[in-house]
Amino acid sequence: MSVPDKDTQHKPVFVVALTGGIASGKTTVSNLFAGLGVTIVDTDLIARELVEPGEPLLASIVSAFGQELLDAYGRLRRRNLRNLIFSSKEKRTRLEALMHPRIAEEARRRINQVKSAYCILVIPLLAENQGNSVADRVLVVDTDVECQLERMTLRDDLNLEQAHAALQAQASREQRLAIADDVIDNSAEESELNRKVKQLHEAYLSYSRSTPQR
C-alpha cells in the first residue's frame, strides 16, 4: 500500500512501518506488538473495510473491473480480484490508483488519533511503492522464499504456480531488506520471536521519548 504523508497540522506519534512479503508473518508480529499495548494501524484491514458492501470504493472497483467481482450478496470476491491483479500489471496499477489514496487517507486519520507512545503501521507493499514518509523507522519481517511458498499453498489454497506469481508481483526479499532499519527473522523459534519483539518494543519506546516534536 502507499504510505500516508506526514500531517503537518498535527504531531503524529512515533510511527514504525512494519512490512514484509506475502506470508512472511506480518500479522503474527503485529499481534505480538498489540499484546504489549501498542496501537496497530493495518492498511490491509483498512482496505478490507473500504470495500465492504455499500462503500463507495467498492462501487468504483466494480465499475472499473466488472460485476463478476461481486458475489450474490454484493460482497467482493477477493480471490477473483487477487487473480485479476496477479495476472496483469496494468490492472494492478489501475486498482492501486483507486485504492491507495483512500487507504492512505484513512491510515493518516487513525495515526493522528493514536494515544500509545508509538504505533505500528502495517504496510505490506512499502518497498514496492518506495515510500516511508510517515514512518520514523521501518521494521521488516523476513523469511525465506521456501517458507513463504509453503505458507501460501496451505493458508491461501494456492497451487505452486499461483504462489510463485504472487511472489513475483511483489518486491524481492533483497529490496525489502534494503529499506529496513530493523529486521525480525520469522523463521526463528516462537520464543526467539517473542524476545525480539519485546526488545524492539523497548527500543521504540525509547525512540518515541527522544524524537523531537514535528
Protein backbone atom coordinates (compact mmCIF):
# COMPACT_ATOMS: atom_id res chain seq x y z
CA MET A 1 0.00 0.00 0.00
CA SER A 2 1.07 3.60 -0.49
CA VAL A 3 2.22 5.46 2.58
CA PRO A 4 0.34 8.43 4.01
CA ASP A 5 2.30 11.67 4.09
CA LYS A 6 3.07 13.36 7.37
CA ASP A 7 0.23 15.58 8.53
CA THR A 8 1.83 18.93 9.22
CA GLN A 9 -1.27 20.09 11.13
CA HIS A 10 -0.72 17.52 13.90
CA LYS A 11 2.14 15.90 15.74
CA PRO A 12 1.79 12.19 14.94
CA VAL A 13 3.16 9.67 17.38
CA PHE A 14 6.38 7.81 16.63
CA VAL A 15 5.50 5.53 13.71
CA VAL A 16 7.10 2.19 12.94
CA ALA A 17 6.23 0.93 9.46
CA LEU A 18 6.03 -2.86 9.51
CA THR A 19 6.39 -4.62 6.18
CA GLY A 20 7.27 -7.98 4.70
CA GLY A 21 6.49 -10.25 1.80
CA ILE A 22 3.29 -12.21 1.44
CA ALA A 23 3.01 -14.96 4.07
CA SER A 24 6.08 -13.71 5.90
CA GLY A 25 4.28 -13.47 9.23
CA LYS A 26 3.42 -9.77 9.48
CA THR A 27 0.17 -10.47 11.32
CA THR A 28 1.93 -12.72 13.83
CA VAL A 29 4.43 -9.97 14.60
CA SER A 30 1.87 -7.15 14.74
CA ASN A 31 -0.28 -9.22 17.11
CA LEU A 32 2.70 -9.58 19.45
CA PHE A 33 3.15 -5.80 19.49
CA ALA A 34 -0.59 -5.36 20.08
CA GLY A 35 -0.27 -7.68 23.07
CA LEU A 36 2.22 -5.18 24.53
CA GLY A 37 -0.34 -2.38 24.29
CA VAL A 38 0.85 -0.88 21.00
CA THR A 39 -1.75 0.55 18.62
CA ILE A 40 -1.76 -1.20 15.24
CA VAL A 41 -2.83 0.62 12.09
CA ASP A 42 -3.08 -2.10 9.44
CA THR A 43 -3.55 -0.95 5.85
CA ASP A 44 -4.70 -4.42 4.81
CA LEU A 45 -7.56 -4.26 7.33
CA ILE A 46 -8.37 -0.73 6.22
CA ALA A 47 -8.51 -1.95 2.62
CA ARG A 48 -10.96 -4.68 3.61
CA GLU A 49 -13.20 -2.21 5.42
CA LEU A 50 -13.22 0.17 2.46
CA VAL A 51 -14.58 -2.50 0.08
CA GLU A 52 -17.47 -3.67 2.24
CA PRO A 53 -20.92 -3.62 0.54
CA GLY A 54 -22.22 -0.10 0.21
CA GLU A 55 -18.79 1.54 0.36
CA PRO A 56 -18.04 4.00 -2.48
CA LEU A 57 -14.67 2.38 -3.17
CA LEU A 58 -16.29 -0.99 -3.88
CA ALA A 59 -18.58 0.65 -6.43
CA SER A 60 -15.57 2.24 -8.12
CA ILE A 61 -13.74 -1.10 -8.32
CA VAL A 62 -16.77 -2.88 -9.79
CA SER A 63 -17.23 -0.08 -12.30
CA ALA A 64 -13.60 -0.44 -13.38
CA PHE A 65 -13.34 -4.25 -13.44
CA GLY A 66 -16.83 -5.70 -13.78
CA GLN A 67 -19.77 -7.14 -11.85
CA GLU A 68 -18.20 -10.60 -11.80
CA LEU A 69 -16.14 -9.42 -8.84
CA LEU A 70 -19.28 -9.47 -6.69
CA ASP A 71 -20.99 -12.49 -5.18
CA ALA A 72 -24.76 -12.94 -4.89
CA TYR A 73 -24.81 -10.85 -1.70
CA GLY A 74 -22.93 -7.91 -3.18
CA ARG A 75 -19.67 -8.74 -1.45
CA LEU A 76 -16.30 -8.58 -3.14
CA ARG A 77 -14.96 -11.91 -4.40
CA ARG A 78 -11.47 -11.37 -3.04
CA ARG A 79 -9.97 -14.39 -4.77
CA ASN A 80 -11.29 -13.22 -8.15
CA LEU A 81 -9.78 -9.79 -7.55
CA ARG A 82 -6.46 -11.30 -6.44
CA ASN A 83 -6.28 -13.48 -9.55
CA LEU A 84 -7.09 -10.45 -11.70
CA ILE A 85 -4.28 -8.28 -10.36
CA PHE A 86 -1.70 -11.05 -10.32
CA SER A 87 -2.43 -11.75 -13.98
CA SER A 88 -1.97 -8.18 -15.23
CA LYS A 89 0.40 -5.42 -14.14
CA GLU A 90 -1.78 -2.87 -15.93
CA LYS A 91 -4.88 -3.91 -13.98
CA ARG A 92 -2.93 -3.99 -10.74
CA THR A 93 -1.79 -0.40 -11.39
CA ARG A 94 -5.38 0.69 -12.09
CA LEU A 95 -6.60 -0.93 -8.88
CA GLU A 96 -3.81 0.69 -6.83
CA ALA A 97 -4.73 4.10 -8.25
CA LEU A 98 -8.26 3.60 -6.94
CA MET A 99 -7.42 2.15 -3.56
CA HIS A 100 -4.17 3.68 -2.34
CA PRO A 101 -5.32 7.31 -1.88
CA ARG A 102 -8.33 6.20 0.19
CA ILE A 103 -6.26 3.79 2.28
CA ALA A 104 -3.57 6.43 2.90
CA GLU A 105 -6.19 8.99 3.95
CA GLU A 106 -7.77 6.60 6.47
CA ALA A 107 -4.38 5.45 7.79
CA ARG A 108 -3.34 9.07 8.35
CA ARG A 109 -6.59 9.76 10.22
CA ARG A 110 -6.03 6.77 12.52
CA ILE A 111 -2.39 7.65 13.17
CA ASN A 112 -3.42 11.12 14.30
CA GLN A 113 -5.76 9.53 16.87
CA VAL A 114 -3.18 7.17 18.40
CA LYS A 115 -2.76 7.53 22.17
CA SER A 116 0.02 4.99 22.75
CA ALA A 117 3.68 6.08 22.81
CA TYR A 118 4.16 4.75 19.30
CA CYS A 119 2.20 2.82 16.72
CA ILE A 120 2.86 0.04 14.25
CA LEU A 121 1.74 0.92 10.72
CA VAL A 122 1.42 -2.31 8.73
CA ILE A 123 2.18 -1.65 5.04
CA PRO A 124 2.72 -4.87 3.05
CA LEU A 125 3.80 -3.07 -0.13
CA LEU A 126 6.11 -0.47 1.38
CA ALA A 127 9.15 -1.49 -0.67
CA GLU A 128 7.11 -1.68 -3.88
CA ASN A 129 5.89 1.89 -3.51
CA GLN A 130 9.28 3.21 -2.37
CA GLY A 131 7.78 5.41 0.29
CA ASN A 132 8.08 5.74 4.03
CA SER A 133 7.42 9.44 4.52
CA VAL A 134 5.20 8.93 7.56
CA ALA A 135 7.49 6.38 9.21
CA ASP A 136 10.19 7.13 11.74
CA ARG A 137 11.50 3.60 11.42
CA VAL A 138 10.98 0.58 9.13
CA LEU A 139 10.67 -2.94 10.51
CA VAL A 140 10.89 -5.82 8.02
CA VAL A 141 9.54 -9.26 8.84
CA ASP A 142 11.82 -11.58 6.93
CA THR A 143 11.59 -15.25 6.00
CA ASP A 144 12.95 -17.39 3.19
CA VAL A 145 11.07 -17.88 -0.07
CA GLU A 146 10.53 -21.61 0.51
CA CYS A 147 8.71 -20.84 3.75
CA GLN A 148 6.55 -18.24 2.02
CA LEU A 149 5.59 -20.67 -0.73
CA GLU A 150 4.68 -23.36 1.77
CA ARG A 151 2.51 -20.98 3.79
CA MET A 152 0.73 -19.67 0.70
CA THR A 153 -0.12 -23.11 -0.63
CA LEU A 154 -1.50 -24.14 2.76
CA ARG A 155 -3.06 -20.91 4.02
CA ASP A 156 -4.41 -19.44 0.78
CA ASP A 157 -5.12 -22.71 -1.04
CA LEU A 158 -2.89 -21.71 -3.95
CA ASN A 159 -1.05 -24.06 -6.24
CA LEU A 160 2.69 -23.60 -6.62
CA GLU A 161 2.37 -21.65 -9.89
CA GLN A 162 -0.07 -19.20 -8.30
CA ALA A 163 2.15 -18.82 -5.26
CA HIS A 164 5.18 -18.03 -7.42
CA ALA A 165 3.11 -15.46 -9.35
CA ALA A 166 2.13 -13.78 -6.09
CA LEU A 167 5.78 -13.53 -5.05
CA GLN A 168 6.85 -12.16 -8.42
CA ALA A 169 4.23 -9.41 -8.16
CA GLN A 170 5.98 -8.09 -5.04
CA ALA A 171 9.38 -6.61 -4.31
CA SER A 172 12.21 -9.04 -3.76
CA ARG A 173 13.47 -10.05 -0.35
CA GLU A 174 16.64 -8.04 -1.02
CA GLN A 175 14.65 -4.89 -1.87
CA ARG A 176 12.72 -5.10 1.38
CA LEU A 177 15.84 -5.66 3.48
CA ALA A 178 17.46 -2.65 1.80
CA ILE A 179 14.89 -0.28 3.36
CA ALA A 180 14.94 -1.90 6.82
CA ASP A 181 16.04 -0.20 10.00
CA ASP A 182 15.17 -3.35 11.94
CA VAL A 183 14.62 -6.96 10.87
CA ILE A 184 12.72 -9.80 12.52
CA ASP A 185 13.56 -13.30 11.31
CA ASN A 186 10.22 -15.12 11.34
CA SER A 187 11.82 -18.49 10.67
CA ALA A 188 13.14 -18.47 14.24
CA GLU A 189 11.61 -20.30 17.21
CA GLU A 190 8.49 -18.77 18.79
CA SER A 191 10.39 -17.92 21.99
CA GLU A 192 13.03 -16.05 19.97
CA LEU A 193 10.32 -14.17 18.06
CA ASN A 194 8.74 -13.05 21.34
CA ARG A 195 12.13 -12.00 22.71
CA LYS A 196 12.92 -9.94 19.61
CA VAL A 197 9.54 -8.18 19.67
CA LYS A 198 9.95 -7.25 23.33
CA GLN A 199 13.47 -5.99 22.63
CA LEU A 200 12.24 -3.81 19.78
CA HIS A 201 9.30 -2.61 21.87
CA GLU A 202 11.67 -1.24 24.49
CA ALA A 203 13.78 0.39 21.78
CA TYR A 204 10.76 2.03 20.14
CA LEU A 205 9.55 3.35 23.50
CA SER A 206 12.97 4.92 23.95
CA TYR A 207 12.98 6.37 20.43
CA SER A 208 9.48 7.81 20.92
CA ARG A 209 10.62 9.68 24.04
CA SER A 210 13.67 11.16 22.32
CA THR A 211 12.08 12.06 18.96
CA PRO A 212 11.59 15.84 18.61
CA GLN A 213 8.11 17.26 18.13
CA ARG A 214 7.24 17.58 14.47
